[in-house]
Amino acid sequence: MQMTAEGRVTIPRHIRKRLNLTPQTEVDFVEENGRFYLVNISLLSPARTKSKFHRFRGAATVKMRTGEIMQLTRGEA
């Protein structure tokens, strides 16, 4: 397998199939004892797959338009 100048490699079909990797699947590289492993993170625990910002999703309750919020943040009155 050869890496491109951009650092990309093609994962062979039999490996993609074995790891259930489809387009848009999120993967991670895990280091263990000096070796790196490609991991399908959707197969890991739910806590690992959620963004650290996931708990804030949908938390906004203010009914303001973007322009109004920008005025507040810039100190414009």
PDB file of N, CA and C in Angstrom:
ATOM      1  N   MET A   1       0.865  -1.162   0.000  1.00  0.00           N
ATOM      2  CA  MET A   1       0.000   0.000   0.000  1.00  0.00           C
ATOM      3  C   MET A   1       0.912   1.226   0.000  1.00  0.00           C
ATOM      4  N   GLN A   2       0.580   2.184  -0.806  1.00  0.00           N
ATOM      5  CA  GLN A   2       1.403   3.393  -0.907  1.00  0.00           C
ATOM      6  C   GLN A   2       0.578   4.608  -0.502  1.00  0.00           C
ATOM      7  N   MET A   3       1.219   5.522   0.228  1.00  0.00           N
ATOM      8  CA  MET A   3       0.558   6.732   0.682  1.00  0.00           C
ATOM      9  C   MET A   3       0.777   7.840  -0.342  1.00  0.00           C
ATOM     10  N   THR A   4      -0.259   8.655  -0.565  1.00  0.00           N
ATOM     11  CA  THR A   4      -0.143   9.782  -1.480  1.00  0.00           C
ATOM     12  C   THR A   4       0.569  10.940  -0.781  1.00  0.00           C
ATOM     13  N   ALA A   5       0.884  11.967  -1.535  1.00  0.00           N
ATOM     14  CA  ALA A   5       1.540  13.150  -0.975  1.00  0.00           C
ATOM     15  C   ALA A   5       0.660  13.829   0.078  1.00  0.00           C
ATOM     16  N   GLU A   6      -0.660  13.652  -0.026  1.00  0.00           N
ATOM     17  CA  GLU A   6      -1.589  14.245   0.942  1.00  0.00           C
ATOM     18  C   GLU A   6      -1.775  13.373   2.181  1.00  0.00           C
ATOM     19  N   GLY A   7      -1.096  12.227   2.227  1.00  0.00           N
ATOM     20  CA  GLY A   7      -1.201  11.343   3.380  1.00  0.00           C
ATOM     21  C   GLY A   7      -2.366  10.383   3.306  1.00  0.00           C
ATOM     22  N   ARG A   8      -2.900  10.154   2.127  1.00  0.00           N
ATOM     23  CA  ARG A   8      -4.052   9.266   1.966  1.00  0.00           C
ATOM     24  C   ARG A   8      -3.614   7.880   1.510  1.00  0.00           C
ATOM     25  N   VAL A   9      -4.350   6.899   1.973  1.00  0.00           N
ATOM     26  CA  VAL A   9      -4.152   5.523   1.524  1.00  0.00           C
ATOM     27  C   VAL A   9      -5.510   4.938   1.180  1.00  0.00           C
ATOM     28  N   THR A  10      -5.521   3.956   0.320  1.00  0.00           N
ATOM     29  CA  THR A  10      -6.755   3.251  -0.009  1.00  0.00           C
ATOM     30  C   THR A  10      -6.817   2.006   0.854  1.00  0.00           C
ATOM     31  N   ILE A  11      -7.896   1.868   1.591  1.00  0.00           N
ATOM     32  CA  ILE A  11      -8.079   0.687   2.429  1.00  0.00           C
ATOM     33  C   ILE A  11      -8.612  -0.422   1.526  1.00  0.00           C
ATOM     34  N   PRO A  12      -7.914  -1.536   1.466  1.00  0.00           N
ATOM     35  CA  PRO A  12      -8.365  -2.629   0.599  1.00  0.00           C
ATOM     36  C   PRO A  12      -9.799  -3.066   0.896  1.00  0.00           C
ATOM     37  N   ARG A  13     -10.483  -3.502  -0.133  1.00  0.00           N
ATOM     38  CA  ARG A  13     -11.895  -3.874  -0.032  1.00  0.00           C
ATOM     39  C   ARG A  13     -12.152  -4.919   1.049  1.00  0.00           C
ATOM     40  N   HIS A  14     -11.311  -5.951   1.137  1.00  0.00           N
ATOM     41  CA  HIS A  14     -11.562  -7.010   2.132  1.00  0.00           C
ATOM     42  C   HIS A  14     -11.441  -6.472   3.564  1.00  0.00           C
ATOM     43  N   ILE A  15     -10.617  -5.469   3.779  1.00  0.00           N
ATOM     44  CA  ILE A  15     -10.508  -4.860   5.107  1.00  0.00           C
ATOM     45  C   ILE A  15     -11.716  -3.972   5.377  1.00  0.00           C
ATOM     46  N   ARG A  16     -12.120  -3.192   4.371  1.00  0.00           N
ATOM     47  CA  ARG A  16     -13.323  -2.352   4.540  1.00  0.00           C
ATOM     48  C   ARG A  16     -14.532  -3.220   4.875  1.00  0.00           C
ATOM     49  N   LYS A  17     -14.645  -4.356   4.198  1.00  0.00           N
ATOM     50  CA  LYS A  17     -15.767  -5.263   4.432  1.00  0.00           C
ATOM     51  C   LYS A  17     -15.702  -5.844   5.849  1.00  0.00           C
ATOM     52  N   ARG A  18     -14.518  -6.270   6.252  1.00  0.00           N
ATOM     53  CA  ARG A  18     -14.333  -6.891   7.573  1.00  0.00           C
ATOM     54  C   ARG A  18     -14.630  -5.903   8.706  1.00  0.00           C
ATOM     55  N   LEU A  19     -14.253  -4.637   8.519  1.00  0.00           N
ATOM     56  CA  LEU A  19     -14.494  -3.609   9.538  1.00  0.00           C
ATOM     57  C   LEU A  19     -15.829  -2.890   9.362  1.00  0.00           C
ATOM     58  N   ASN A  20     -16.594  -3.306   8.348  1.00  0.00           N
ATOM     59  CA  ASN A  20     -17.877  -2.671   8.045  1.00  0.00           C
ATOM     60  C   ASN A  20     -17.705  -1.175   7.799  1.00  0.00           C
ATOM     61  N   LEU A  21     -16.717  -0.826   6.980  1.00  0.00           N
ATOM     62  CA  LEU A  21     -16.439   0.566   6.645  1.00  0.00           C
ATOM     63  C   LEU A  21     -17.165   0.922   5.359  1.00  0.00           C
ATOM     64  N   THR A  22     -18.054   1.864   5.449  1.00  0.00           N
ATOM     65  CA  THR A  22     -18.791   2.362   4.290  1.00  0.00           C
ATOM     66  C   THR A  22     -18.496   3.849   4.161  1.00  0.00           C
ATOM     67  N   PRO A  23     -18.857   4.454   3.033  1.00  0.00           N
ATOM     68  CA  PRO A  23     -18.631   5.901   2.914  1.00  0.00           C
ATOM     69  C   PRO A  23     -19.256   6.648   4.098  1.00  0.00           C
ATOM     70  N   GLN A  24     -18.546   7.624   4.598  1.00  0.00           N
ATOM     71  CA  GLN A  24     -18.937   8.469   5.729  1.00  0.00           C
ATOM     72  C   GLN A  24     -18.769   7.782   7.085  1.00  0.00           C
ATOM     73  N   THR A  25     -18.225   6.563   7.135  1.00  0.00           N
ATOM     74  CA  THR A  25     -17.942   5.913   8.407  1.00  0.00           C
ATOM     75  C   THR A  25     -16.791   6.638   9.081  1.00  0.00           C
ATOM     76  N   GLU A  26     -16.930   6.906  10.369  1.00  0.00           N
ATOM     77  CA  GLU A  26     -15.850   7.557  11.111  1.00  0.00           C
ATOM     78  C   GLU A  26     -14.926   6.494  11.680  1.00  0.00           C
ATOM     79  N   VAL A  27     -13.630   6.706  11.457  1.00  0.00           N
ATOM     80  CA  VAL A  27     -12.624   5.777  11.959  1.00  0.00           C
ATOM     81  C   VAL A  27     -11.627   6.539  12.820  1.00  0.00           C
ATOM     82  N   ASP A  28     -10.863   5.796  13.592  1.00  0.00           N
ATOM     83  CA  ASP A  28      -9.845   6.390  14.431  1.00  0.00           C
ATOM     84  C   ASP A  28      -8.623   5.487  14.383  1.00  0.00           C
ATOM     85  N   PHE A  29      -7.469   6.047  14.694  1.00  0.00           N
ATOM     86  CA  PHE A  29      -6.256   5.270  14.816  1.00  0.00           C
ATOM     87  C   PHE A  29      -5.927   5.176  16.294  1.00  0.00           C
ATOM     88  N   VAL A  30      -5.750   3.965  16.762  1.00  0.00           N
ATOM     89  CA  VAL A  30      -5.468   3.716  18.165  1.00  0.00           C
ATOM     90  C   VAL A  30      -4.061   3.142  18.270  1.00  0.00           C
ATOM     91  N   GLU A  31      -3.243   3.704  19.173  1.00  0.00           N
ATOM     92  CA  GLU A  31      -1.892   3.194  19.390  1.00  0.00           C
ATOM     93  C   GLU A  31      -1.886   2.269  20.585  1.00  0.00           C
ATOM     94  N   GLU A  32      -1.245   1.136  20.403  1.00  0.00           N
ATOM     95  CA  GLU A  32      -1.135   0.175  21.485  1.00  0.00           C
ATOM     96  C   GLU A  32       0.205  -0.545  21.365  1.00  0.00           C
ATOM     97  N   ASN A  33       1.054  -0.352  22.358  1.00  0.00           N
ATOM     98  CA  ASN A  33       2.380  -0.976  22.380  1.00  0.00           C
ATOM     99  C   ASN A  33       3.192  -0.696  21.115  1.00  0.00           C
ATOM    100  N   GLY A  34       3.167   0.551  20.656  1.00  0.00           N
ATOM    101  CA  GLY A  34       3.963   0.937  19.502  1.00  0.00           C
ATOM    102  C   GLY A  34       3.359   0.578  18.165  1.00  0.00           C
ATOM    103  N   ARG A  35       2.163  -0.010  18.149  1.00  0.00           N
ATOM    104  CA  ARG A  35       1.468  -0.339  16.900  1.00  0.00           C
ATOM    105  C   ARG A  35       0.206   0.502  16.801  1.00  0.00           C
ATOM    106  N   PHE A  36      -0.174   0.797  15.576  1.00  0.00           N
ATOM    107  CA  PHE A  36      -1.384   1.574  15.350  1.00  0.00           C
ATOM    108  C   PHE A  36      -2.438   0.694  14.707  1.00  0.00           C
ATOM    109  N   TYR A  37      -3.669   0.868  15.163  1.00  0.00           N
ATOM    110  CA  TYR A  37      -4.781   0.089  14.658  1.00  0.00           C
ATOM    111  C   TYR A  37      -5.857   1.022  14.131  1.00  0.00           C
ATOM    112  N   LEU A  38      -6.456   0.646  13.007  1.00  0.00           N
ATOM    113  CA  LEU A  38      -7.577   1.379  12.450  1.00  0.00           C
ATOM    114  C   LEU A  38      -8.843   0.812  13.075  1.00  0.00           C
ATOM    115  N   VAL A  39      -9.666   1.688  13.660  1.00  0.00           N
ATOM    116  CA  VAL A  39     -10.849   1.243  14.382  1.00  0.00           C
ATOM    117  C   VAL A  39     -12.080   1.957  13.845  1.00  0.00           C
ATOM    118  N   ASN A  40     -13.130   1.204  13.607  1.00  0.00           N
ATOM    119  CA  ASN A  40     -14.431   1.760  13.245  1.00  0.00           C
ATOM    120  C   ASN A  40     -15.051   2.247  14.551  1.00  0.00           C
ATOM    121  N   ILE A  41     -15.096   3.557  14.776  1.00  0.00           N
ATOM    122  CA  ILE A  41     -15.529   4.059  16.085  1.00  0.00           C
ATOM    123  C   ILE A  41     -17.011   3.860  16.339  1.00  0.00           C
ATOM    124  N   SER A  42     -17.805   3.611  15.297  1.00  0.00           N
ATOM    125  CA  SER A  42     -19.228   3.349  15.530  1.00  0.00           C
ATOM    126  C   SER A  42     -19.424   2.012  16.237  1.00  0.00           C
ATOM    127  N   LEU A  43     -18.393   1.155  16.241  1.00  0.00           N
ATOM    128  CA  LEU A  43     -18.490  -0.130  16.925  1.00  0.00           C
ATOM    129  C   LEU A  43     -18.060  -0.028  18.382  1.00  0.00           C
ATOM    130  N   LEU A  44     -17.525   1.129  18.773  1.00  0.00           N
ATOM    131  CA  LEU A  44     -17.074   1.325  20.152  1.00  0.00           C
ATOM    132  C   LEU A  44     -18.238   1.768  21.013  1.00  0.00           C
ATOM    133  N   SER A  45     -17.975   2.049  22.251  1.00  0.00           N
ATOM    134  CA  SER A  45     -19.025   2.473  23.176  1.00  0.00           C
ATOM    135  C   SER A  45     -19.649   3.781  22.700  1.00  0.00           C
ATOM    136  N   PRO A  46     -20.928   3.985  22.962  1.00  0.00           N
ATOM    137  CA  PRO A  46     -21.598   5.216  22.542  1.00  0.00           C
ATOM    138  C   PRO A  46     -20.918   6.475  23.057  1.00  0.00           C
ATOM    139  N   ALA A  47     -20.336   6.438  24.246  1.00  0.00           N
ATOM    140  CA  ALA A  47     -19.669   7.615  24.800  1.00  0.00           C
ATOM    141  C   ALA A  47     -18.483   8.016  23.942  1.00  0.00           C
ATOM    142  N   ARG A  48     -17.815   7.070  23.320  1.00  0.00           N
ATOM    143  CA  ARG A  48     -16.642   7.349  22.495  1.00  0.00           C
ATOM    144  C   ARG A  48     -17.034   7.978  21.166  1.00  0.00           C
ATOM    145  N   THR A  49     -18.209   7.639  20.656  1.00  0.00           N
ATOM    146  CA  THR A  49     -18.606   8.121  19.337  1.00  0.00           C
ATOM    147  C   THR A  49     -19.252   9.505  19.380  1.00  0.00           C
ATOM    148  N   LYS A  50     -19.711   9.942  20.541  1.00  0.00           N
ATOM    149  CA  LYS A  50     -20.358  11.247  20.626  1.00  0.00           C
ATOM    150  C   LYS A  50     -19.322  12.356  20.719  1.00  0.00           C
ATOM    151  N   SER A  51     -19.629  13.451  20.092  1.00  0.00           N
ATOM    152  CA  SER A  51     -18.781  14.630  20.158  1.00  0.00           C
ATOM    153  C   SER A  51     -18.779  15.165  21.583  1.00  0.00           C
ATOM    154  N   LYS A  52     -17.681  15.832  21.952  1.00  0.00           N
ATOM    155  CA  LYS A  52     -17.652  16.423  23.285  1.00  0.00           C
ATOM    156  C   LYS A  52     -18.666  17.551  23.425  1.00  0.00           C
ATOM    157  N   PHE A  53     -19.227  18.014  22.311  1.00  0.00           N
ATOM    158  CA  PHE A  53     -20.227  19.075  22.333  1.00  0.00           C
ATOM    159  C   PHE A  53     -21.644  18.527  22.202  1.00  0.00           C
ATOM    160  N   HIS A  54     -21.771  17.203  22.117  1.00  0.00           N
ATOM    161  CA  HIS A  54     -23.076  16.590  21.896  1.00  0.00           C
ATOM    162  C   HIS A  54     -24.108  17.001  22.950  1.00  0.00           C
ATOM    163  N   ARG A  55     -23.671  17.101  24.199  1.00  0.00           N
ATOM    164  CA  ARG A  55     -24.641  17.427  25.259  1.00  0.00           C
ATOM    165  C   ARG A  55     -25.207  18.833  25.123  1.00  0.00           C
ATOM    166  N   PHE A  56     -24.556  19.709  24.353  1.00  0.00           N
ATOM    167  CA  PHE A  56     -25.046  21.076  24.174  1.00  0.00           C
ATOM    168  C   PHE A  56     -26.007  21.200  22.992  1.00  0.00           C
ATOM    169  N   ARG A  57     -26.132  20.162  22.207  1.00  0.00           N
ATOM    170  CA  ARG A  57     -26.995  20.218  21.029  1.00  0.00           C
ATOM    171  C   ARG A  57     -28.434  20.485  21.444  1.00  0.00           C
ATOM    172  N   GLY A  58     -29.010  21.487  20.834  1.00  0.00           N
ATOM    173  CA  GLY A  58     -30.386  21.836  21.129  1.00  0.00           C
ATOM    174  C   GLY A  58     -30.579  22.548  22.459  1.00  0.00           C
ATOM    175  N   ALA A  59     -29.485  23.026  23.066  1.00  0.00           N
ATOM    176  CA  ALA A  59     -29.593  23.642  24.378  1.00  0.00           C
ATOM    177  C   ALA A  59     -30.010  25.112  24.327  1.00  0.00           C
ATOM    178  N   ALA A  60     -29.902  25.753  23.172  1.00  0.00           N
ATOM    179  CA  ALA A  60     -30.245  27.169  23.066  1.00  0.00           C
ATOM    180  C   ALA A  60     -31.745  27.354  23.229  1.00  0.00           C
ATOM    181  N   THR A  61     -32.123  28.286  24.079  1.00  0.00           N
ATOM    182  CA  THR A  61     -33.545  28.540  24.302  1.00  0.00           C
ATOM    183  C   THR A  61     -33.924  29.980  23.985  1.00  0.00           C
ATOM    184  N   VAL A  62     -32.946  30.794  23.610  1.00  0.00           N
ATOM    185  CA  VAL A  62     -33.200  32.196  23.326  1.00  0.00           C
ATOM    186  C   VAL A  62     -33.817  32.319  21.935  1.00  0.00           C
ATOM    187  N   LYS A  63     -34.857  33.092  21.843  1.00  0.00           N
ATOM    188  CA  LYS A  63     -35.537  33.276  20.557  1.00  0.00           C
ATOM    189  C   LYS A  63     -35.094  34.597  19.933  1.00  0.00           C
ATOM    190  N   MET A  64     -33.810  34.658  19.575  1.00  0.00           N
ATOM    191  CA  MET A  64     -33.258  35.866  18.974  1.00  0.00           C
ATOM    192  C   MET A  64     -32.737  35.538  17.584  1.00  0.00           C
ATOM    193  N   ARG A  65     -32.730  36.528  16.736  1.00  0.00           N
ATOM    194  CA  ARG A  65     -32.174  36.362  15.401  1.00  0.00           C
ATOM    195  C   ARG A  65     -30.660  36.510  15.478  1.00  0.00           C
ATOM    196  N   THR A  66     -29.980  35.985  14.486  1.00  0.00           N
ATOM    197  CA  THR A  66     -28.523  36.026  14.460  1.00  0.00           C
ATOM    198  C   THR A  66     -27.995  37.443  14.589  1.00  0.00           C
ATOM    199  N   GLY A  67     -28.594  38.387  13.871  1.00  0.00           N
ATOM    200  CA  GLY A  67     -28.156  39.786  13.933  1.00  0.00           C
ATOM    201  C   GLY A  67     -28.247  40.357  15.341  1.00  0.00           C
ATOM    202  N   GLU A  68     -29.299  40.004  16.053  1.00  0.00           N
ATOM    203  CA  GLU A  68     -29.465  40.476  17.428  1.00  0.00           C
ATOM    204  C   GLU A  68     -28.400  39.883  18.348  1.00  0.00           C
ATOM    205  N   ILE A  69     -28.099  38.629  18.185  1.00  0.00           N
ATOM    206  CA  ILE A  69     -27.065  37.985  18.985  1.00  0.00           C
ATOM    207  C   ILE A  69     -25.706  38.611  18.694  1.00  0.00           C
ATOM    208  N   MET A  70     -25.416  38.868  17.424  1.00  0.00           N
ATOM    209  CA  MET A  70     -24.149  39.487  17.043  1.00  0.00           C
ATOM    210  C   MET A  70     -24.020  40.872  17.658  1.00  0.00           C
ATOM    211  N   GLN A  71     -25.106  41.647  17.707  1.00  0.00           N
ATOM    212  CA  GLN A  71     -25.059  42.957  18.335  1.00  0.00           C
ATOM    213  C   GLN A  71     -24.717  42.840  19.813  1.00  0.00           C
ATOM    214  N   LEU A  72     -25.291  41.873  20.487  1.00  0.00           N
ATOM    215  CA  LEU A  72     -24.992  41.662  21.900  1.00  0.00           C
ATOM    216  C   LEU A  72     -23.530  41.271  22.110  1.00  0.00           C
ATOM    217  N   THR A  73     -23.013  40.381  21.285  1.00  0.00           N
ATOM    218  CA  THR A  73     -21.650  39.907  21.470  1.00  0.00           C
ATOM    219  C   THR A  73     -20.624  40.984  21.110  1.00  0.00           C
ATOM    220  N   ARG A  74     -20.980  41.891  20.229  1.00  0.00           N
ATOM    221  CA  ARG A  74     -20.060  42.959  19.831  1.00  0.00           C
ATOM    222  C   ARG A  74     -20.216  44.192  20.691  1.00  0.00           C
ATOM    223  N   GLY A  75     -21.204  44.209  21.563  1.00  0.00           N
ATOM    224  CA  GLY A  75     -21.396  45.350  22.425  1.00  0.00           C
ATOM    225  C   GLY A  75     -22.134  46.493  21.738  1.00  0.00           C
ATOM    226  N   GLU A  76     -22.748  46.222  20.609  1.00  0.00           N
ATOM    227  CA  GLU A  76     -23.516  47.245  19.900  1.00  0.00           C
ATOM    228  C   GLU A  76     -24.913  47.320  20.511  1.00  0.00           C
ATOM    229  N   ALA A  77     -25.395  48.509  20.697  1.00  0.00           N
ATOM    230  CA  ALA A  77     -26.727  48.632  21.289  1.00  0.00           C
ATOM    231  C   ALA A  77     -27.715  49.224  20.344  1.00  0.00           C
TER     232      ALA A  77
END
